[in-house]
Amino acid sequence: MIEILKPIFRGPLATYGQGLACSEAQPPGTIRLQELLGTTDALETLLYRQADFLGTGDLRPVASAWMLQYTALLVPPVAVAATVLGHVFPVGYRDAAVDIDGRGLPRRIIVPHSGRSAVGQNTACRYATLFAAHLTPLVLRLSQAAGLPGKILWGSVARRLDATLEQAAAMAPTIGLATRIEEDRDYLLQQRTWSLGQRNPLFGQRKTAQMTLADGRQSVTRLHRQCCLHHLLPGKEHCSACPLSPRLRQMEQCSTG
């Protein structure tokens, strides 16, 4: 784990900070993000490798699952650094590299140095590198490679970022950053447009579903912004928070019928 992250990602949270690593030299077995996003078939090769492992020829759910894994590695440490620490890591596609396992899945994101302080800068500045120079080109290339709508991939980003900032908000009383965390969360997830009128690809209202538990009690479940196509993988079903879950739709029909 990068040294500046250690005071935040302690104990049971440690695993969420280990997806980002720092190395001046590119470690063996990694591929530069710039190469992965290039015009070669490097990204397609990884997706087909993962598809073979999962037993499917449909690259759409494979790419979606790949992105969920990728964002689980990237978003928590980078977002916590930007929001809680006021720090920016060099995660631009020209700097970052990706450690890939034998199945084609990402294991770590590698950056060449520990970055710079961004204390006092606004949300747009602290998150500019992550979105403009990393996630935007990645979503575009992955969407092209798999024939998958970009909104599904951005939904994965929003899911990880929302959960990360929600956890940060829970820690806010002890770290004294409640206002900054709420401002970042509002700007990144609740605004239709960002600075200069740029469309916010993360924007999307989260719905809720009321469910009846086995003991008869009612429970409200927050749904994801987008279906991640998990149900298209062999032997898989819609997750419990999927907005397209047939089970939830049936429950809604029963409650309104």
C-alpha atoms as a PDB file:
ATOM      1  CA  MET A   1       0.000   0.000   0.000  1.00  0.00           C
ATOM      2  CA  ILE A   2       1.196   3.527  -0.767  1.00  0.00           C
ATOM      3  CA  GLU A   3       2.463   5.168   2.419  1.00  0.00           C
ATOM      4  CA  ILE A   4       0.112   8.163   2.411  1.00  0.00           C
ATOM      5  CA  LEU A   5      -2.911   5.834   2.393  1.00  0.00           C
ATOM      6  CA  LYS A   6      -1.929   3.725   5.396  1.00  0.00           C
ATOM      7  CA  PRO A   7      -3.463   5.990   8.102  1.00  0.00           C
ATOM      8  CA  ILE A   8      -6.850   5.735   6.358  1.00  0.00           C
ATOM      9  CA  PHE A   9      -6.948   2.128   5.169  1.00  0.00           C
ATOM     10  CA  ARG A  10      -6.330   0.318   8.439  1.00  0.00           C
ATOM     11  CA  GLY A  11      -7.667  -2.920   9.860  1.00  0.00           C
ATOM     12  CA  PRO A  12     -10.660  -4.273   7.880  1.00  0.00           C
ATOM     13  CA  LEU A  13     -10.376  -1.350   5.433  1.00  0.00           C
ATOM     14  CA  ALA A  14      -6.814  -2.243   4.420  1.00  0.00           C
ATOM     15  CA  THR A  15      -7.877  -4.343   1.442  1.00  0.00           C
ATOM     16  CA  TYR A  16      -9.569  -1.309  -0.155  1.00  0.00           C
ATOM     17  CA  GLY A  17      -6.310   0.607  -0.258  1.00  0.00           C
ATOM     18  CA  GLN A  18      -4.167  -2.129  -1.773  1.00  0.00           C
ATOM     19  CA  GLY A  19      -5.433  -1.848  -5.334  1.00  0.00           C
ATOM     20  CA  LEU A  20      -3.058   1.032  -6.041  1.00  0.00           C
ATOM     21  CA  ALA A  21       0.714   0.551  -5.837  1.00  0.00           C
ATOM     22  CA  CYS A  22       3.725   2.731  -6.549  1.00  0.00           C
ATOM     23  CA  SER A  23       6.808   1.655  -8.518  1.00  0.00           C
ATOM     24  CA  GLU A  24       9.277   3.813 -10.430  1.00  0.00           C
ATOM     25  CA  ALA A  25      10.078   0.920 -12.770  1.00  0.00           C
ATOM     26  CA  GLN A  26       7.264  -0.938 -14.502  1.00  0.00           C
ATOM     27  CA  PRO A  27       6.972  -4.326 -12.740  1.00  0.00           C
ATOM     28  CA  PRO A  28       7.181  -7.516 -14.832  1.00  0.00           C
ATOM     29  CA  GLY A  29       3.826  -8.843 -15.967  1.00  0.00           C
ATOM     30  CA  THR A  30       2.165  -5.437 -16.136  1.00  0.00           C
ATOM     31  CA  ILE A  31       0.918  -3.569 -19.166  1.00  0.00           C
ATOM     32  CA  ARG A  32       0.885   0.189 -19.559  1.00  0.00           C
ATOM     33  CA  LEU A  33      -2.611   1.625 -19.652  1.00  0.00           C
ATOM     34  CA  GLN A  34      -1.677   3.599 -22.753  1.00  0.00           C
ATOM     35  CA  GLU A  35      -0.899   0.332 -24.541  1.00  0.00           C
ATOM     36  CA  LEU A  36      -4.092  -1.288 -23.270  1.00  0.00           C
ATOM     37  CA  LEU A  37      -6.134   1.604 -24.657  1.00  0.00           C
ATOM     38  CA  GLY A  38      -4.263   1.751 -27.956  1.00  0.00           C
ATOM     39  CA  THR A  39      -5.350   0.543 -31.351  1.00  0.00           C
ATOM     40  CA  THR A  40      -3.898  -2.928 -30.834  1.00  0.00           C
ATOM     41  CA  ASP A  41      -6.057  -5.833 -29.678  1.00  0.00           C
ATOM     42  CA  ALA A  42      -4.498  -5.940 -26.187  1.00  0.00           C
ATOM     43  CA  LEU A  43      -7.766  -5.181 -24.390  1.00  0.00           C
ATOM     44  CA  GLU A  44      -9.766  -7.583 -26.545  1.00  0.00           C
ATOM     45  CA  THR A  45      -7.225 -10.314 -25.762  1.00  0.00           C
ATOM     46  CA  LEU A  46      -7.789  -9.833 -22.035  1.00  0.00           C
ATOM     47  CA  LEU A  47     -11.564  -9.887 -22.437  1.00  0.00           C
ATOM     48  CA  TYR A  48     -11.490 -13.083 -24.497  1.00  0.00           C
ATOM     49  CA  ARG A  49      -9.207 -14.689 -21.927  1.00  0.00           C
ATOM     50  CA  GLN A  50     -11.681 -13.821 -19.181  1.00  0.00           C
ATOM     51  CA  ALA A  51     -14.599 -14.940 -21.381  1.00  0.00           C
ATOM     52  CA  ASP A  52     -12.985 -18.362 -21.847  1.00  0.00           C
ATOM     53  CA  PHE A  53     -12.565 -18.669 -18.092  1.00  0.00           C
ATOM     54  CA  LEU A  54     -16.218 -17.734 -17.503  1.00  0.00           C
ATOM     55  CA  GLY A  55     -17.497 -19.977 -20.277  1.00  0.00           C
ATOM     56  CA  THR A  56     -19.198 -17.402 -22.477  1.00  0.00           C
ATOM     57  CA  GLY A  57     -18.724 -15.821 -25.887  1.00  0.00           C
ATOM     58  CA  ASP A  58     -20.636 -12.672 -24.952  1.00  0.00           C
ATOM     59  CA  LEU A  59     -18.108  -9.939 -24.204  1.00  0.00           C
ATOM     60  CA  ARG A  60     -20.679  -7.510 -22.827  1.00  0.00           C
ATOM     61  CA  PRO A  61     -21.098  -9.044 -19.330  1.00  0.00           C
ATOM     62  CA  VAL A  62     -17.407  -9.975 -19.362  1.00  0.00           C
ATOM     63  CA  ALA A  63     -16.405  -6.341 -19.915  1.00  0.00           C
ATOM     64  CA  SER A  64     -18.858  -5.208 -17.255  1.00  0.00           C
ATOM     65  CA  ALA A  65     -17.441  -7.662 -14.712  1.00  0.00           C
ATOM     66  CA  TRP A  66     -13.921  -6.620 -15.695  1.00  0.00           C
ATOM     67  CA  MET A  67     -14.802  -2.980 -15.066  1.00  0.00           C
ATOM     68  CA  LEU A  68     -16.331  -3.756 -11.673  1.00  0.00           C
ATOM     69  CA  GLN A  69     -13.086  -5.427 -10.642  1.00  0.00           C
ATOM     70  CA  TYR A  70     -11.030  -2.593 -12.085  1.00  0.00           C
ATOM     71  CA  THR A  71     -12.975   0.137 -10.307  1.00  0.00           C
ATOM     72  CA  ALA A  72     -12.781  -1.797  -7.037  1.00  0.00           C
ATOM     73  CA  LEU A  73      -8.994  -1.478  -7.281  1.00  0.00           C
ATOM     74  CA  LEU A  74      -8.798   2.080  -8.583  1.00  0.00           C
ATOM     75  CA  VAL A  75     -11.614   4.148  -7.129  1.00  0.00           C
ATOM     76  CA  PRO A  76     -11.323   3.677  -3.332  1.00  0.00           C
ATOM     77  CA  PRO A  77      -7.649   4.716  -2.932  1.00  0.00           C
ATOM     78  CA  VAL A  78      -7.806   7.492  -5.535  1.00  0.00           C
ATOM     79  CA  ALA A  79     -11.087   8.936  -4.258  1.00  0.00           C
ATOM     80  CA  VAL A  80     -10.046   8.788  -0.602  1.00  0.00           C
ATOM     81  CA  ALA A  81      -6.776  10.495  -1.490  1.00  0.00           C
ATOM     82  CA  ALA A  82      -8.574  13.231  -3.437  1.00  0.00           C
ATOM     83  CA  THR A  83     -11.385  13.865  -0.962  1.00  0.00           C
ATOM     84  CA  VAL A  84     -10.007  13.005   2.470  1.00  0.00           C
ATOM     85  CA  LEU A  85      -6.299  13.741   2.001  1.00  0.00           C
ATOM     86  CA  GLY A  86      -6.418  16.440  -0.681  1.00  0.00           C
ATOM     87  CA  HIS A  87      -3.916  14.423  -2.710  1.00  0.00           C
ATOM     88  CA  VAL A  88      -3.765  13.477  -6.412  1.00  0.00           C
ATOM     89  CA  PHE A  89      -2.104  10.311  -7.696  1.00  0.00           C
ATOM     90  CA  PRO A  90      -0.582  10.169 -11.226  1.00  0.00           C
ATOM     91  CA  VAL A  91      -3.231   7.839 -12.637  1.00  0.00           C
ATOM     92  CA  GLY A  92      -3.333   9.342 -16.132  1.00  0.00           C
ATOM     93  CA  TYR A  93      -3.214   6.766 -18.925  1.00  0.00           C
ATOM     94  CA  ARG A  94       0.310   7.830 -19.904  1.00  0.00           C
ATOM     95  CA  ASP A  95       1.591   7.124 -16.384  1.00  0.00           C
ATOM     96  CA  ALA A  96      -0.377   4.168 -15.011  1.00  0.00           C
ATOM     97  CA  ALA A  97       0.142   0.469 -15.656  1.00  0.00           C
ATOM     98  CA  VAL A  98      -2.088  -2.516 -14.886  1.00  0.00           C
ATOM     99  CA  ASP A  99      -1.080  -5.821 -13.286  1.00  0.00           C
ATOM    100  CA  ILE A 100      -3.093  -8.611 -14.938  1.00  0.00           C
ATOM    101  CA  ASP A 101      -3.630 -12.160 -13.653  1.00  0.00           C
ATOM    102  CA  GLY A 102      -3.753 -15.351 -15.716  1.00  0.00           C
ATOM    103  CA  ARG A 103      -7.515 -15.038 -16.279  1.00  0.00           C
ATOM    104  CA  GLY A 104      -7.208 -11.545 -17.741  1.00  0.00           C
ATOM    105  CA  LEU A 105      -8.461  -9.729 -14.638  1.00  0.00           C
ATOM    106  CA  PRO A 106      -6.724  -6.659 -13.174  1.00  0.00           C
ATOM    107  CA  ARG A 107      -4.971  -7.192  -9.837  1.00  0.00           C
ATOM    108  CA  ARG A 108      -3.353  -3.792  -9.182  1.00  0.00           C
ATOM    109  CA  ILE A 109      -2.994  -0.370 -10.716  1.00  0.00           C
ATOM    110  CA  ILE A 110       0.632   0.789 -10.731  1.00  0.00           C
ATOM    111  CA  VAL A 111       1.663   4.463 -10.662  1.00  0.00           C
ATOM    112  CA  PRO A 112       5.260   5.717 -11.111  1.00  0.00           C
ATOM    113  CA  HIS A 113       5.371   8.010  -8.067  1.00  0.00           C
ATOM    114  CA  SER A 114       3.285   9.044  -5.075  1.00  0.00           C
ATOM    115  CA  GLY A 115       1.694  12.114  -6.666  1.00  0.00           C
ATOM    116  CA  ARG A 116       1.183  15.632  -5.400  1.00  0.00           C
ATOM    117  CA  SER A 117      -0.759  17.646  -2.850  1.00  0.00           C
ATOM    118  CA  ALA A 118      -4.015  19.227  -4.018  1.00  0.00           C
ATOM    119  CA  VAL A 119      -5.048  20.770  -0.704  1.00  0.00           C
ATOM    120  CA  GLY A 120      -7.268  23.776  -1.270  1.00  0.00           C
ATOM    121  CA  GLN A 121      -8.279  22.823  -4.808  1.00  0.00           C
ATOM    122  CA  ASN A 122     -11.920  22.278  -5.726  1.00  0.00           C
ATOM    123  CA  THR A 123     -13.548  18.956  -6.566  1.00  0.00           C
ATOM    124  CA  ALA A 124     -13.098  19.329 -10.332  1.00  0.00           C
ATOM    125  CA  CYS A 125      -9.362  19.907  -9.988  1.00  0.00           C
ATOM    126  CA  ARG A 126      -8.780  17.093  -7.518  1.00  0.00           C
ATOM    127  CA  TYR A 127     -10.625  14.573  -9.704  1.00  0.00           C
ATOM    128  CA  ALA A 128      -9.566  15.851 -13.145  1.00  0.00           C
ATOM    129  CA  THR A 129      -6.786  13.311 -13.729  1.00  0.00           C
ATOM    130  CA  LEU A 130      -8.927  10.340 -12.654  1.00  0.00           C
ATOM    131  CA  PHE A 131     -11.807  11.198 -14.957  1.00  0.00           C
ATOM    132  CA  ALA A 132     -10.314  13.037 -17.934  1.00  0.00           C
ATOM    133  CA  ALA A 133      -7.060  11.097 -18.296  1.00  0.00           C
ATOM    134  CA  HIS A 134      -8.045   7.636 -17.060  1.00  0.00           C
ATOM    135  CA  LEU A 135     -11.698   6.657 -16.780  1.00  0.00           C
ATOM    136  CA  THR A 136     -13.027   8.506 -19.829  1.00  0.00           C
ATOM    137  CA  PRO A 137     -10.622   6.890 -22.327  1.00  0.00           C
ATOM    138  CA  LEU A 138     -10.932   3.530 -20.554  1.00  0.00           C
ATOM    139  CA  VAL A 139     -14.738   3.521 -20.737  1.00  0.00           C
ATOM    140  CA  LEU A 140     -14.640   4.528 -24.396  1.00  0.00           C
ATOM    141  CA  ARG A 141     -12.163   1.811 -25.363  1.00  0.00           C
ATOM    142  CA  LEU A 142     -13.846  -0.901 -23.282  1.00  0.00           C
ATOM    143  CA  SER A 143     -17.227   0.030 -24.726  1.00  0.00           C
ATOM    144  CA  GLN A 144     -15.848  -0.287 -28.246  1.00  0.00           C
ATOM    145  CA  ALA A 145     -14.099  -3.580 -27.543  1.00  0.00           C
ATOM    146  CA  ALA A 146     -17.174  -5.291 -26.085  1.00  0.00           C
ATOM    147  CA  GLY A 147     -20.049  -3.547 -27.848  1.00  0.00           C
ATOM    148  CA  LEU A 148     -21.276  -2.419 -24.442  1.00  0.00           C
ATOM    149  CA  PRO A 149     -23.065   0.890 -23.757  1.00  0.00           C
ATOM    150  CA  GLY A 150     -20.795   3.273 -21.893  1.00  0.00           C
ATOM    151  CA  LYS A 151     -23.533   4.083 -19.365  1.00  0.00           C
ATOM    152  CA  ILE A 152     -23.233   0.562 -17.939  1.00  0.00           C
ATOM    153  CA  LEU A 153     -19.502   1.021 -17.381  1.00  0.00           C
ATOM    154  CA  TRP A 154     -20.018   4.466 -15.876  1.00  0.00           C
ATOM    155  CA  GLY A 155     -22.633   2.886 -13.627  1.00  0.00           C
ATOM    156  CA  SER A 156     -19.877   0.679 -12.192  1.00  0.00           C
ATOM    157  CA  VAL A 157     -17.740   3.741 -11.530  1.00  0.00           C
ATOM    158  CA  ALA A 158     -20.651   5.491  -9.815  1.00  0.00           C
ATOM    159  CA  ARG A 159     -21.347   2.418  -7.697  1.00  0.00           C
ATOM    160  CA  ARG A 160     -17.767   2.255  -6.397  1.00  0.00           C
ATOM    161  CA  LEU A 161     -17.473   6.004  -5.886  1.00  0.00           C
ATOM    162  CA  ASP A 162     -20.796   6.244  -4.069  1.00  0.00           C
ATOM    163  CA  ALA A 163     -19.835   3.441  -1.689  1.00  0.00           C
ATOM    164  CA  THR A 164     -16.393   4.946  -1.083  1.00  0.00           C
ATOM    165  CA  LEU A 165     -17.680   8.425  -0.288  1.00  0.00           C
ATOM    166  CA  GLU A 166     -20.471   6.956   1.831  1.00  0.00           C
ATOM    167  CA  GLN A 167     -17.844   5.174   3.927  1.00  0.00           C
ATOM    168  CA  ALA A 168     -15.841   8.393   4.122  1.00  0.00           C
ATOM    169  CA  ALA A 169     -18.960  10.247   5.279  1.00  0.00           C
ATOM    170  CA  ALA A 170     -19.415   7.676   8.053  1.00  0.00           C
ATOM    171  CA  MET A 171     -15.884   8.528   9.199  1.00  0.00           C
ATOM    172  CA  ALA A 172     -16.457  12.282   8.844  1.00  0.00           C
ATOM    173  CA  PRO A 173     -17.091  13.012  12.551  1.00  0.00           C
ATOM    174  CA  THR A 174     -13.646  11.639  13.412  1.00  0.00           C
ATOM    175  CA  ILE A 175     -11.743  13.275  10.543  1.00  0.00           C
ATOM    176  CA  GLY A 176     -13.567  16.619  10.458  1.00  0.00           C
ATOM    177  CA  LEU A 177     -14.241  16.658   6.716  1.00  0.00           C
ATOM    178  CA  ALA A 178     -18.020  16.317   6.512  1.00  0.00           C
ATOM    179  CA  THR A 179     -18.474  19.449   4.396  1.00  0.00           C
ATOM    180  CA  ARG A 180     -15.820  18.526   1.821  1.00  0.00           C
ATOM    181  CA  ILE A 181     -17.071  14.964   1.517  1.00  0.00           C
ATOM    182  CA  GLU A 182     -20.651  16.132   0.963  1.00  0.00           C
ATOM    183  CA  GLU A 183     -19.539  18.735  -1.593  1.00  0.00           C
ATOM    184  CA  ASP A 184     -17.521  16.146  -3.527  1.00  0.00           C
ATOM    185  CA  ARG A 185     -20.349  13.636  -3.424  1.00  0.00           C
ATOM    186  CA  ASP A 186     -22.860  16.204  -4.636  1.00  0.00           C
ATOM    187  CA  TYR A 187     -20.637  17.423  -7.490  1.00  0.00           C
ATOM    188  CA  LEU A 188     -19.568  13.982  -8.660  1.00  0.00           C
ATOM    189  CA  LEU A 189     -22.820  12.051  -8.340  1.00  0.00           C
ATOM    190  CA  GLN A 190     -25.784  14.419  -8.065  1.00  0.00           C
ATOM    191  CA  GLN A 191     -25.145  17.104 -10.693  1.00  0.00           C
ATOM    192  CA  ARG A 192     -26.308  16.614 -14.293  1.00  0.00           C
ATOM    193  CA  THR A 193     -23.412  18.681 -15.590  1.00  0.00           C
ATOM    194  CA  TRP A 194     -19.930  19.477 -14.364  1.00  0.00           C
ATOM    195  CA  SER A 195     -17.904  22.648 -14.811  1.00  0.00           C
ATOM    196  CA  LEU A 196     -18.179  24.373 -18.191  1.00  0.00           C
ATOM    197  CA  GLY A 197     -21.400  22.517 -18.909  1.00  0.00           C
ATOM    198  CA  GLN A 198     -19.771  19.103 -19.381  1.00  0.00           C
ATOM    199  CA  ARG A 199     -22.259  16.247 -19.052  1.00  0.00           C
ATOM    200  CA  ASN A 200     -21.738  14.221 -15.898  1.00  0.00           C
ATOM    201  CA  PRO A 201     -21.554  10.528 -16.923  1.00  0.00           C
ATOM    202  CA  LEU A 202     -22.067   9.441 -13.308  1.00  0.00           C
ATOM    203  CA  PHE A 203     -25.387  11.181 -12.883  1.00  0.00           C
ATOM    204  CA  GLY A 204     -28.383   8.916 -12.411  1.00  0.00           C
ATOM    205  CA  GLN A 205     -30.994   8.799  -9.707  1.00  0.00           C
ATOM    206  CA  ARG A 206     -30.845   5.722  -7.499  1.00  0.00           C
ATOM    207  CA  LYS A 207     -34.224   4.116  -6.877  1.00  0.00           C
ATOM    208  CA  THR A 208     -35.374   2.083  -3.918  1.00  0.00           C
ATOM    209  CA  ALA A 209     -37.440  -1.085  -3.636  1.00  0.00           C
ATOM    210  CA  GLN A 210     -39.480  -2.198  -0.657  1.00  0.00           C
ATOM    211  CA  MET A 211     -39.049  -5.863   0.150  1.00  0.00           C
ATOM    212  CA  THR A 212     -40.831  -8.173   2.577  1.00  0.00           C
ATOM    213  CA  LEU A 213     -38.446 -10.237   4.680  1.00  0.00           C
ATOM    214  CA  ALA A 214     -39.047 -13.831   5.731  1.00  0.00           C
ATOM    215  CA  ASP A 215     -40.353 -12.698   9.121  1.00  0.00           C
ATOM    216  CA  GLY A 216     -42.847 -10.303   7.531  1.00  0.00           C
ATOM    217  CA  ARG A 217     -40.895  -7.110   8.232  1.00  0.00           C
ATOM    218  CA  GLN A 218     -40.487  -4.532   5.465  1.00  0.00           C
ATOM    219  CA  SER A 219     -37.025  -3.584   4.225  1.00  0.00           C
ATOM    220  CA  VAL A 220     -36.047  -0.829   1.790  1.00  0.00           C
ATOM    221  CA  THR A 221     -33.249  -1.710  -0.642  1.00  0.00           C
ATOM    222  CA  ARG A 222     -31.289   0.901  -2.587  1.00  0.00           C
ATOM    223  CA  LEU A 223     -30.892  -0.164  -6.182  1.00  0.00           C
ATOM    224  CA  HIS A 224     -27.888   0.346  -8.438  1.00  0.00           C
ATOM    225  CA  ARG A 225     -28.107   3.041 -11.097  1.00  0.00           C
ATOM    226  CA  GLN A 226     -27.534   0.561 -13.917  1.00  0.00           C
ATOM    227  CA  CYS A 227     -27.844  -3.174 -14.441  1.00  0.00           C
ATOM    228  CA  CYS A 228     -24.320  -4.604 -14.784  1.00  0.00           C
ATOM    229  CA  LEU A 229     -25.458  -7.585 -16.941  1.00  0.00           C
ATOM    230  CA  HIS A 230     -24.244 -10.059 -14.317  1.00  0.00           C
ATOM    231  CA  HIS A 231     -27.259 -12.252 -15.131  1.00  0.00           C
ATOM    232  CA  LEU A 232     -25.912 -12.850 -18.653  1.00  0.00           C
ATOM    233  CA  LEU A 233     -22.954 -14.834 -17.315  1.00  0.00           C
ATOM    234  CA  PRO A 234     -23.378 -18.634 -17.182  1.00  0.00           C
ATOM    235  CA  GLY A 235     -25.149 -19.742 -14.013  1.00  0.00           C
ATOM    236  CA  LYS A 236     -25.663 -16.202 -12.712  1.00  0.00           C
ATOM    237  CA  GLU A 237     -28.796 -14.200 -11.874  1.00  0.00           C
ATOM    238  CA  HIS A 238     -29.698 -10.572 -11.310  1.00  0.00           C
ATOM    239  CA  CYS A 239     -28.162  -9.288  -8.078  1.00  0.00           C
ATOM    240  CA  SER A 240     -30.424  -8.237  -5.216  1.00  0.00           C
ATOM    241  CA  ALA A 241     -29.939  -4.525  -5.991  1.00  0.00           C
ATOM    242  CA  CYS A 242     -30.422  -4.734  -9.760  1.00  0.00           C
ATOM    243  CA  PRO A 243     -32.978  -2.195 -11.051  1.00  0.00           C
ATOM    244  CA  LEU A 244     -34.017  -4.722 -13.747  1.00  0.00           C
ATOM    245  CA  SER A 245     -34.441  -7.705 -11.437  1.00  0.00           C
ATOM    246  CA  PRO A 246     -37.575  -9.674 -12.423  1.00  0.00           C
ATOM    247  CA  ARG A 247     -38.124 -10.485  -8.763  1.00  0.00           C
ATOM    248  CA  LEU A 248     -38.231  -6.816  -7.815  1.00  0.00           C
ATOM    249  CA  ARG A 249     -40.505  -6.008 -10.745  1.00  0.00           C
ATOM    250  CA  GLN A 250     -42.881  -8.756  -9.664  1.00  0.00           C
ATOM    251  CA  MET A 251     -42.903  -7.369  -6.128  1.00  0.00           C
ATOM    252  CA  GLU A 252     -43.633  -3.879  -7.442  1.00  0.00           C
ATOM    253  CA  GLN A 253     -46.543  -5.215  -9.497  1.00  0.00           C
ATOM    254  CA  CYS A 254     -47.945  -7.019  -6.487  1.00  0.00           C
ATOM    255  CA  SER A 255     -47.681  -3.915  -4.317  1.00  0.00           C
ATOM    256  CA  THR A 256     -49.454  -1.716  -6.910  1.00  0.00           C
ATOM    257  CA  GLY A 257     -51.988  -4.297  -8.126  1.00  0.00           C
END
